[in-house]
Amino acid sequence: MQVKTIALASLFSIVLAGNAFAAQPASGEGPLFLNEAQAVSTLSRDAVRQEAIANPPLVNGYDSVSDAKSVRSTATRAQVRESTRDAIAHGFHVKSGESA
C-alpha cells in the first residue's frame, strides 16, 4: 500500500508542478506583454495594397528566379558538356557529393 501511495504522490506532484508553470512564457522567449494597446487600422485593404505596390520591399526573394529566366545562354548542351570534359581533363575538380 505504501508503494502505491508514494507512486501516486510523485505522479500528482509532477502533474501539479507542470500546471503551475503552464501560464508562463517558455524559457528564452521575450517578456509577456498582456497590456498592449489594441489599434485598429483606418486604411482599407485596397489602400494598403496600393501602398505596397508603390513601395516594394528592398529585397525580393524572386530576383534570382526572374534573372535566371531572362538570361539565355548561346551555348548548346553539347558545347557545355565538351567544355566540362576539357576542364576535368585539365584538373578542374567538380564540387559535388559529401566531399564538396
Protein backbone atom coordinates (compact mmCIF):
# COMPACT_ATOMS: atom_id res chain seq x y z
CA MET A 1 0.00 0.00 0.00
CA GLN A 2 2.81 2.39 0.79
CA VAL A 3 4.40 1.83 -2.65
CA LYS A 4 1.15 2.84 -4.37
CA THR A 5 0.87 5.93 -2.20
CA ILE A 6 4.42 7.02 -2.98
CA ALA A 7 3.91 6.44 -6.71
CA LEU A 8 0.63 8.37 -6.78
CA ALA A 9 2.06 11.22 -4.70
CA SER A 10 5.01 11.63 -7.05
CA LEU A 11 2.72 11.47 -10.09
CA PHE A 12 0.38 14.11 -8.68
CA SER A 13 3.28 16.38 -7.74
CA ILE A 14 4.64 16.21 -11.31
CA VAL A 15 1.22 16.96 -12.82
CA LEU A 16 0.53 19.86 -10.47
CA ALA A 17 4.02 21.30 -10.92
CA GLY A 18 3.50 21.29 -14.70
CA ASN A 19 0.26 23.22 -14.34
CA ALA A 20 1.94 25.84 -12.17
CA PHE A 21 4.35 26.78 -14.98
CA ALA A 22 1.93 26.42 -17.89
CA ALA A 23 0.84 30.08 -17.92
CA GLN A 24 4.36 31.48 -18.11
CA PRO A 25 6.30 32.11 -21.33
CA ALA A 26 8.84 29.47 -22.25
CA SER A 27 12.46 29.96 -21.37
CA GLY A 28 14.22 32.25 -23.82
CA GLU A 29 11.10 33.96 -25.07
CA GLY A 30 10.60 37.65 -24.65
CA PRO A 31 8.54 39.23 -21.90
CA LEU A 32 4.83 38.58 -21.82
CA PHE A 33 3.06 41.75 -22.97
CA LEU A 34 -0.56 41.47 -21.90
CA ASN A 35 -1.41 45.16 -21.64
CA GLU A 36 -0.63 46.30 -25.16
CA ALA A 37 -2.93 48.86 -26.70
CA GLN A 38 -5.17 47.49 -29.42
CA ALA A 39 -5.04 49.55 -32.61
CA VAL A 40 -7.47 49.29 -35.47
CA SER A 41 -6.23 50.29 -38.90
CA THR A 42 -8.11 53.09 -40.60
CA LEU A 43 -6.88 52.12 -44.07
CA SER A 44 -8.89 49.95 -46.38
CA ARG A 45 -7.48 46.79 -47.94
CA ASP A 46 -7.19 48.49 -51.34
CA ALA A 47 -5.28 51.42 -49.86
CA VAL A 48 -2.81 49.07 -48.19
CA ARG A 49 -2.40 47.13 -51.44
CA GLN A 50 -1.75 50.32 -53.43
CA GLU A 51 0.81 51.46 -50.86
CA ALA A 52 2.56 48.09 -51.06
CA ILE A 53 2.69 48.32 -54.85
CA ALA A 54 4.04 51.87 -54.69
CA ASN A 55 6.77 50.94 -52.14
CA PRO A 56 8.08 47.45 -52.95
CA PRO A 57 10.46 45.79 -50.50
CA LEU A 58 14.18 46.40 -50.99
CA VAL A 59 14.95 42.68 -51.13
CA ASN A 60 12.86 40.46 -53.35
CA GLY A 61 13.04 36.72 -52.86
CA TYR A 62 12.25 36.09 -56.51
CA ASP A 63 15.03 38.17 -58.05
CA SER A 64 17.26 35.18 -58.75
CA VAL A 65 14.41 33.26 -60.39
CA SER A 66 13.44 36.14 -62.66
CA ASP A 67 17.09 36.81 -63.57
CA ALA A 68 17.64 33.15 -64.43
CA LYS A 69 14.71 33.21 -66.82
CA SER A 70 15.81 36.41 -68.56
CA VAL A 71 19.40 35.28 -69.24
CA ARG A 72 19.65 32.97 -72.24
CA SER A 73 22.82 31.04 -73.00
CA THR A 74 24.11 30.79 -76.54
CA ALA A 75 26.00 27.54 -75.86
CA THR A 76 24.37 24.26 -76.76
CA ARG A 77 24.22 21.27 -74.45
CA ALA A 78 26.95 19.51 -76.41
CA GLN A 79 29.26 22.54 -76.13
CA VAL A 80 28.73 22.72 -72.37
CA ARG A 81 29.47 19.01 -71.97
CA GLU A 82 32.61 19.34 -74.08
CA SER A 83 33.90 22.31 -72.07
CA THR A 84 33.18 20.42 -68.83
CA ARG A 85 35.13 17.40 -70.08
CA ASP A 86 38.04 19.62 -71.09
CA ALA A 87 38.07 21.35 -67.70
CA ILE A 88 38.08 17.99 -65.86
CA ALA A 89 40.86 16.74 -68.12
CA HIS A 90 42.93 19.81 -67.18
CA GLY A 91 42.49 19.26 -63.43
CA PHE A 92 39.25 21.01 -62.56
CA HIS A 93 37.50 19.25 -59.66
CA VAL A 94 33.70 19.24 -59.72
CA LYS A 95 32.48 20.05 -56.20
CA SER A 96 29.68 17.59 -55.59
CA GLY A 97 28.71 14.97 -53.06
CA GLU A 98 29.95 14.75 -49.47
CA SER A 99 33.48 15.88 -50.28
CA ALA A 100 32.31 19.25 -51.69
